[in-house]
Amino acid sequence: MATVQETDQRVDAFVGSLKPELRGLFADLRKLVRETVPEARETVKWGYPCYEQNGNVCSLMPAEGYVRLQFFRGAELGDPDGLLEGTGKGMRHVKVRDAAGMPRQALRALIVEAANLNAKGGRAHAG
C-alpha cells in the first residue's frame, strides 16, 4: 500500500494564510485528497494547491464560505450523486461548505475516477 507523501510546504503556508473559518474545511479536504490518492504529487499551480498523478487530477480553491474541489477532467467523470457543477469544456467542481456535511464517499469516488482517467491515457491540462 502506498503511503502519503510529504506535504508541500507551499501548501502548508497556503492553508495557514486562509481565513480561520475556511482553514479547517480546507485542511479536511486536503487530507481527504491525500488519503484517497496517496501517490499523487501535491504542488501549487496557478496559485492554488493541485494534485498530479500522470497529469492534473484535482485542485483546491477557497471561495467565500466554501472550498471548491476542482477536477480538471470533470466533464468526463460519472456523477451519480449530482455533485459536480460547471459548464466548461473540461473543468468541473464541487462546492464543499462544511466538513460535517461533506459527502466523503462520493468525493472519494470522484477523486479516484479522476486519477484513473489519467492512468488510462491522455493528460489533464487546465480546463
N, C-alpha and C. Protein backbone atom coordinates (compact mmCIF):
# COMPACT_ATOMS: atom_id res chain seq x y z
N MET A 1 0.84 -1.19 0.00
CA MET A 1 0.00 0.00 0.00
C MET A 1 0.88 1.24 0.00
N ALA A 2 0.55 2.20 -0.84
CA ALA A 2 1.33 3.42 -0.94
C ALA A 2 1.10 4.28 0.30
N THR A 3 2.10 5.06 0.62
CA THR A 3 1.97 5.96 1.76
C THR A 3 1.80 7.39 1.27
N VAL A 4 1.19 8.21 2.10
CA VAL A 4 1.02 9.62 1.75
C VAL A 4 2.38 10.28 1.74
N GLN A 5 2.68 11.00 0.68
CA GLN A 5 3.97 11.65 0.57
C GLN A 5 4.05 12.85 1.51
N GLU A 6 5.25 13.38 1.62
CA GLU A 6 5.44 14.56 2.45
C GLU A 6 4.59 15.71 1.93
N THR A 7 4.24 16.59 2.85
CA THR A 7 3.45 17.75 2.45
C THR A 7 4.35 18.76 1.73
N ASP A 8 3.75 19.52 0.87
CA ASP A 8 4.44 20.61 0.18
C ASP A 8 4.35 21.83 1.11
N GLN A 9 5.48 22.37 1.50
CA GLN A 9 5.49 23.49 2.44
C GLN A 9 4.73 24.70 1.89
N ARG A 10 4.70 24.86 0.58
CA ARG A 10 3.93 25.97 0.00
C ARG A 10 2.44 25.79 0.27
N VAL A 11 1.99 24.53 0.27
CA VAL A 11 0.58 24.26 0.57
C VAL A 11 0.32 24.48 2.06
N ASP A 12 1.26 24.07 2.90
CA ASP A 12 1.12 24.34 4.33
C ASP A 12 0.96 25.84 4.57
N ALA A 13 1.79 26.64 3.91
CA ALA A 13 1.73 28.10 4.05
C ALA A 13 0.40 28.64 3.51
N PHE A 14 -0.06 28.07 2.40
CA PHE A 14 -1.33 28.49 1.81
C PHE A 14 -2.47 28.26 2.79
N VAL A 15 -2.52 27.07 3.38
CA VAL A 15 -3.57 26.74 4.35
C VAL A 15 -3.49 27.68 5.54
N GLY A 16 -2.29 27.95 6.01
CA GLY A 16 -2.11 28.85 7.14
C GLY A 16 -2.54 30.28 6.87
N SER A 17 -2.55 30.67 5.59
CA SER A 17 -2.92 32.04 5.23
C SER A 17 -4.43 32.23 5.05
N LEU A 18 -5.18 31.15 5.08
CA LEU A 18 -6.62 31.23 4.86
C LEU A 18 -7.33 31.86 6.06
N LYS A 19 -8.52 32.40 5.80
CA LYS A 19 -9.36 32.90 6.88
C LYS A 19 -9.66 31.75 7.82
N PRO A 20 -9.71 32.02 9.12
CA PRO A 20 -9.94 30.94 10.09
C PRO A 20 -11.19 30.11 9.80
N GLU A 21 -12.24 30.73 9.29
CA GLU A 21 -13.48 29.98 9.06
C GLU A 21 -13.36 28.98 7.90
N LEU A 22 -12.36 29.12 7.04
CA LEU A 22 -12.16 28.17 5.94
C LEU A 22 -11.00 27.21 6.18
N ARG A 23 -10.13 27.55 7.10
CA ARG A 23 -8.89 26.79 7.29
C ARG A 23 -9.15 25.32 7.63
N GLY A 24 -10.05 25.04 8.54
CA GLY A 24 -10.33 23.66 8.93
C GLY A 24 -10.95 22.85 7.81
N LEU A 25 -11.90 23.45 7.10
CA LEU A 25 -12.54 22.78 5.98
C LEU A 25 -11.52 22.48 4.88
N PHE A 26 -10.69 23.47 4.58
CA PHE A 26 -9.67 23.29 3.56
C PHE A 26 -8.72 22.15 3.95
N ALA A 27 -8.30 22.15 5.22
CA ALA A 27 -7.39 21.11 5.71
C ALA A 27 -8.05 19.72 5.63
N ASP A 28 -9.35 19.65 5.93
CA ASP A 28 -10.07 18.37 5.83
C ASP A 28 -10.11 17.87 4.39
N LEU A 29 -10.38 18.77 3.45
CA LEU A 29 -10.41 18.38 2.03
C LEU A 29 -9.02 17.96 1.56
N ARG A 30 -8.02 18.69 1.99
CA ARG A 30 -6.64 18.34 1.63
C ARG A 30 -6.32 16.93 2.12
N LYS A 31 -6.67 16.64 3.34
CA LYS A 31 -6.43 15.31 3.91
C LYS A 31 -7.19 14.25 3.13
N LEU A 32 -8.44 14.52 2.78
CA LEU A 32 -9.25 13.58 2.01
C LEU A 32 -8.58 13.25 0.67
N VAL A 33 -8.12 14.28 -0.04
CA VAL A 33 -7.47 14.05 -1.33
C VAL A 33 -6.20 13.24 -1.13
N ARG A 34 -5.39 13.63 -0.18
CA ARG A 34 -4.10 12.96 0.04
C ARG A 34 -4.27 11.51 0.45
N GLU A 35 -5.30 11.21 1.25
CA GLU A 35 -5.55 9.83 1.65
C GLU A 35 -6.15 9.01 0.51
N THR A 36 -6.93 9.65 -0.34
CA THR A 36 -7.59 8.95 -1.43
C THR A 36 -6.63 8.61 -2.56
N VAL A 37 -5.74 9.52 -2.88
CA VAL A 37 -4.74 9.28 -3.93
C VAL A 37 -3.35 9.58 -3.36
N PRO A 38 -2.87 8.68 -2.50
CA PRO A 38 -1.59 8.95 -1.83
C PRO A 38 -0.39 9.03 -2.77
N GLU A 39 -0.51 8.48 -3.96
CA GLU A 39 0.59 8.54 -4.92
C GLU A 39 0.64 9.89 -5.63
N ALA A 40 -0.42 10.67 -5.53
CA ALA A 40 -0.47 11.96 -6.22
C ALA A 40 0.53 12.93 -5.61
N ARG A 41 1.12 13.72 -6.46
CA ARG A 41 2.08 14.74 -6.02
C ARG A 41 1.31 16.01 -5.68
N GLU A 42 1.55 16.53 -4.50
CA GLU A 42 0.93 17.78 -4.06
C GLU A 42 1.86 18.92 -4.45
N THR A 43 1.30 19.92 -5.13
CA THR A 43 2.10 21.06 -5.56
C THR A 43 1.22 22.30 -5.58
N VAL A 44 1.77 23.40 -6.04
CA VAL A 44 1.00 24.63 -6.21
C VAL A 44 1.08 25.02 -7.67
N LYS A 45 -0.08 25.20 -8.29
CA LYS A 45 -0.17 25.66 -9.68
C LYS A 45 -1.25 26.73 -9.75
N TRP A 46 -1.02 27.71 -10.54
CA TRP A 46 -1.98 28.79 -10.71
C TRP A 46 -2.35 29.43 -9.37
N GLY A 47 -1.44 29.31 -8.40
CA GLY A 47 -1.64 29.92 -7.10
C GLY A 47 -2.43 29.09 -6.09
N TYR A 48 -2.81 27.85 -6.46
CA TYR A 48 -3.64 27.02 -5.59
C TYR A 48 -3.06 25.61 -5.47
N PRO A 49 -3.36 24.91 -4.37
CA PRO A 49 -2.91 23.53 -4.23
C PRO A 49 -3.49 22.65 -5.34
N CYS A 50 -2.63 21.84 -5.92
CA CYS A 50 -3.01 20.99 -7.04
C CYS A 50 -2.41 19.60 -6.80
N TYR A 51 -3.11 18.59 -7.29
CA TYR A 51 -2.68 17.20 -7.12
C TYR A 51 -2.52 16.57 -8.49
N GLU A 52 -1.32 15.99 -8.71
CA GLU A 52 -0.97 15.43 -10.00
C GLU A 52 -0.64 13.95 -9.87
N GLN A 53 -1.13 13.20 -10.82
CA GLN A 53 -0.78 11.78 -10.94
C GLN A 53 -0.99 11.42 -12.40
N ASN A 54 0.08 11.32 -13.14
CA ASN A 54 0.00 11.13 -14.60
C ASN A 54 -0.73 12.30 -15.26
N GLY A 55 -0.62 13.46 -14.68
CA GLY A 55 -1.32 14.66 -15.16
C GLY A 55 -2.10 15.28 -14.00
N ASN A 56 -2.75 16.39 -14.26
CA ASN A 56 -3.53 17.07 -13.23
C ASN A 56 -4.77 16.25 -12.89
N VAL A 57 -5.00 16.05 -11.60
CA VAL A 57 -6.17 15.31 -11.12
C VAL A 57 -7.20 16.28 -10.58
N CYS A 58 -6.82 17.04 -9.55
CA CYS A 58 -7.76 17.98 -8.94
C CYS A 58 -6.99 19.09 -8.25
N SER A 59 -7.72 20.11 -7.85
CA SER A 59 -7.13 21.21 -7.09
C SER A 59 -8.14 21.69 -6.07
N LEU A 60 -7.65 22.45 -5.11
CA LEU A 60 -8.50 23.02 -4.07
C LEU A 60 -8.41 24.53 -4.14
N MET A 61 -9.57 25.18 -4.14
CA MET A 61 -9.61 26.62 -4.25
C MET A 61 -10.61 27.19 -3.25
N PRO A 62 -10.14 28.05 -2.34
CA PRO A 62 -11.07 28.65 -1.39
C PRO A 62 -11.93 29.70 -2.06
N ALA A 63 -13.13 29.87 -1.55
CA ALA A 63 -14.05 30.90 -2.01
C ALA A 63 -14.74 31.46 -0.77
N GLU A 64 -15.62 32.39 -0.94
CA GLU A 64 -16.31 32.99 0.19
C GLU A 64 -17.33 32.01 0.75
N GLY A 65 -17.03 31.40 1.89
CA GLY A 65 -17.96 30.49 2.55
C GLY A 65 -17.88 29.04 2.14
N TYR A 66 -16.97 28.67 1.24
CA TYR A 66 -16.83 27.28 0.83
C TYR A 66 -15.47 27.06 0.18
N VAL A 67 -15.17 25.80 -0.08
CA VAL A 67 -13.96 25.42 -0.80
C VAL A 67 -14.39 24.63 -2.02
N ARG A 68 -13.81 24.96 -3.17
CA ARG A 68 -14.09 24.21 -4.40
C ARG A 68 -13.06 23.10 -4.56
N LEU A 69 -13.55 21.89 -4.74
CA LEU A 69 -12.72 20.77 -5.15
C LEU A 69 -12.90 20.69 -6.66
N GLN A 70 -11.86 21.05 -7.40
CA GLN A 70 -11.95 21.18 -8.85
C GLN A 70 -11.32 19.97 -9.54
N PHE A 71 -11.98 19.50 -10.56
CA PHE A 71 -11.50 18.37 -11.34
C PHE A 71 -11.19 18.83 -12.75
N PHE A 72 -9.94 18.65 -13.16
CA PHE A 72 -9.50 19.12 -14.47
C PHE A 72 -10.22 18.41 -15.61
N ARG A 73 -10.57 17.16 -15.42
CA ARG A 73 -11.29 16.39 -16.44
C ARG A 73 -12.69 16.05 -15.93
N GLY A 74 -13.27 16.97 -15.19
CA GLY A 74 -14.56 16.75 -14.55
C GLY A 74 -15.69 16.43 -15.49
N ALA A 75 -15.65 16.98 -16.71
CA ALA A 75 -16.71 16.71 -17.68
C ALA A 75 -16.73 15.24 -18.09
N GLU A 76 -15.63 14.53 -17.86
CA GLU A 76 -15.54 13.11 -18.22
C GLU A 76 -15.94 12.18 -17.07
N LEU A 77 -16.17 12.75 -15.90
CA LEU A 77 -16.47 11.92 -14.73
C LEU A 77 -17.94 11.53 -14.66
N GLY A 78 -18.19 10.34 -14.17
CA GLY A 78 -19.55 9.96 -13.83
C GLY A 78 -19.91 10.72 -12.55
N ASP A 79 -21.13 11.08 -12.39
CA ASP A 79 -21.52 11.86 -11.21
C ASP A 79 -22.86 11.37 -10.69
N PRO A 80 -22.91 10.14 -10.16
CA PRO A 80 -24.19 9.58 -9.73
C PRO A 80 -24.87 10.36 -8.60
N ASP A 81 -24.07 11.12 -7.82
CA ASP A 81 -24.65 11.89 -6.72
C ASP A 81 -25.00 13.32 -7.11
N GLY A 82 -24.73 13.70 -8.35
CA GLY A 82 -25.07 15.04 -8.82
C GLY A 82 -24.32 16.16 -8.11
N LEU A 83 -23.06 15.93 -7.78
CA LEU A 83 -22.27 16.92 -7.05
C LEU A 83 -21.55 17.92 -7.93
N LEU A 84 -21.21 17.52 -9.14
CA LEU A 84 -20.38 18.36 -9.99
C LEU A 84 -21.14 19.55 -10.56
N GLU A 85 -20.48 20.70 -10.57
CA GLU A 85 -21.02 21.92 -11.15
C GLU A 85 -20.05 22.44 -12.19
N GLY A 86 -20.56 23.27 -13.10
CA GLY A 86 -19.72 23.89 -14.10
C GLY A 86 -20.17 23.53 -15.50
N THR A 87 -19.80 24.38 -16.42
CA THR A 87 -20.21 24.19 -17.81
C THR A 87 -19.04 24.30 -18.78
N GLY A 88 -17.82 24.36 -18.25
CA GLY A 88 -16.65 24.49 -19.11
C GLY A 88 -16.43 23.25 -19.94
N LYS A 89 -15.50 23.36 -20.88
CA LYS A 89 -15.20 22.25 -21.78
C LYS A 89 -14.72 21.01 -21.02
N GLY A 90 -13.97 21.20 -19.93
CA GLY A 90 -13.45 20.06 -19.20
C GLY A 90 -13.60 20.16 -17.69
N MET A 91 -13.33 21.33 -17.14
CA MET A 91 -13.30 21.52 -15.68
C MET A 91 -14.69 21.45 -15.07
N ARG A 92 -14.77 20.77 -13.92
CA ARG A 92 -15.97 20.74 -13.09
C ARG A 92 -15.52 20.87 -11.64
N HIS A 93 -16.42 21.27 -10.75
CA HIS A 93 -16.06 21.43 -9.35
C HIS A 93 -17.22 21.04 -8.44
N VAL A 94 -16.86 20.81 -7.18
CA VAL A 94 -17.83 20.55 -6.13
C VAL A 94 -17.61 21.63 -5.07
N LYS A 95 -18.67 22.29 -4.67
CA LYS A 95 -18.59 23.29 -3.61
C LYS A 95 -18.83 22.57 -2.28
N VAL A 96 -17.84 22.63 -1.40
CA VAL A 96 -17.95 22.00 -0.09
C VAL A 96 -18.04 23.11 0.95
N ARG A 97 -19.14 23.13 1.68
CA ARG A 97 -19.41 24.23 2.61
C ARG A 97 -19.10 23.91 4.06
N ASP A 98 -19.12 22.64 4.45
CA ASP A 98 -18.78 22.30 5.84
C ASP A 98 -18.28 20.86 5.91
N ALA A 99 -17.37 20.64 6.85
CA ALA A 99 -16.75 19.32 6.99
C ALA A 99 -17.76 18.27 7.46
N ALA A 100 -18.66 18.65 8.34
CA ALA A 100 -19.62 17.69 8.88
C ALA A 100 -20.55 17.14 7.80
N GLY A 101 -20.93 17.97 6.86
CA GLY A 101 -21.84 17.55 5.81
C GLY A 101 -21.15 17.12 4.52
N MET A 102 -19.83 17.01 4.56
CA MET A 102 -19.07 16.66 3.37
C MET A 102 -19.41 15.23 2.93
N PRO A 103 -19.81 15.05 1.67
CA PRO A 103 -20.12 13.69 1.18
C PRO A 103 -18.82 12.94 0.86
N ARG A 104 -18.14 12.49 1.89
CA ARG A 104 -16.79 11.93 1.75
C ARG A 104 -16.70 10.78 0.75
N GLN A 105 -17.61 9.83 0.84
CA GLN A 105 -17.53 8.67 -0.06
C GLN A 105 -17.72 9.08 -1.51
N ALA A 106 -18.66 9.97 -1.76
CA ALA A 106 -18.90 10.43 -3.13
C ALA A 106 -17.69 11.22 -3.65
N LEU A 107 -17.09 12.04 -2.79
CA LEU A 107 -15.91 12.79 -3.20
C LEU A 107 -14.74 11.85 -3.46
N ARG A 108 -14.57 10.85 -2.60
CA ARG A 108 -13.50 9.86 -2.83
C ARG A 108 -13.67 9.17 -4.18
N ALA A 109 -14.90 8.81 -4.50
CA ALA A 109 -15.17 8.14 -5.79
C ALA A 109 -14.79 9.05 -6.96
N LEU A 110 -15.12 10.33 -6.88
CA LEU A 110 -14.77 11.27 -7.94
C LEU A 110 -13.26 11.43 -8.06
N ILE A 111 -12.57 11.52 -6.93
CA ILE A 111 -11.12 11.69 -6.93
C ILE A 111 -10.45 10.46 -7.55
N VAL A 112 -10.88 9.28 -7.16
CA VAL A 112 -10.31 8.04 -7.71
C VAL A 112 -10.57 7.96 -9.21
N GLU A 113 -11.78 8.28 -9.62
CA GLU A 113 -12.10 8.23 -11.05
C GLU A 113 -11.25 9.23 -11.83
N ALA A 114 -11.06 10.41 -11.27
CA ALA A 114 -10.24 11.43 -11.95
C ALA A 114 -8.80 10.95 -12.10
N ALA A 115 -8.26 10.34 -11.07
CA ALA A 115 -6.90 9.80 -11.15
C ALA A 115 -6.83 8.66 -12.16
N ASN A 116 -7.85 7.83 -12.18
CA ASN A 116 -7.87 6.71 -13.12
C ASN A 116 -7.97 7.17 -14.57
N LEU A 117 -8.65 8.29 -14.83
CA LEU A 117 -8.70 8.81 -16.19
C LEU A 117 -7.30 9.08 -16.71
N ASN A 118 -6.46 9.67 -15.88
CA ASN A 118 -5.08 9.96 -16.30
C ASN A 118 -4.29 8.69 -16.51
N ALA A 119 -4.55 7.67 -15.69
CA ALA A 119 -3.83 6.41 -15.81
C ALA A 119 -4.16 5.70 -17.11
N LYS A 120 -5.37 5.93 -17.63
CA LYS A 120 -5.82 5.25 -18.85
C LYS A 120 -5.28 5.91 -20.11
N GLY A 121 -4.68 7.07 -19.95
CA GLY A 121 -4.11 7.75 -21.12
C GLY A 121 -4.63 9.15 -21.24
N GLY A 122 -3.85 9.96 -21.87
CA GLY A 122 -4.19 11.36 -22.01
C GLY A 122 -3.90 12.08 -20.72
N ARG A 123 -3.36 13.24 -20.81
CA ARG A 123 -3.02 14.02 -19.62
C ARG A 123 -4.02 15.14 -19.47
N ALA A 124 -4.35 15.43 -18.24
CA ALA A 124 -5.27 16.53 -17.96
C ALA A 124 -4.49 17.83 -17.91
N HIS A 125 -4.98 18.80 -18.58
CA HIS A 125 -4.40 20.14 -18.58
C HIS A 125 -5.42 21.08 -17.97
N ALA A 126 -5.08 22.35 -17.86
CA ALA A 126 -6.01 23.33 -17.30
C ALA A 126 -7.29 23.30 -18.12
N GLY A 127 -8.42 23.34 -17.42
CA GLY A 127 -9.70 23.23 -18.10
C GLY A 127 -10.37 24.51 -18.37
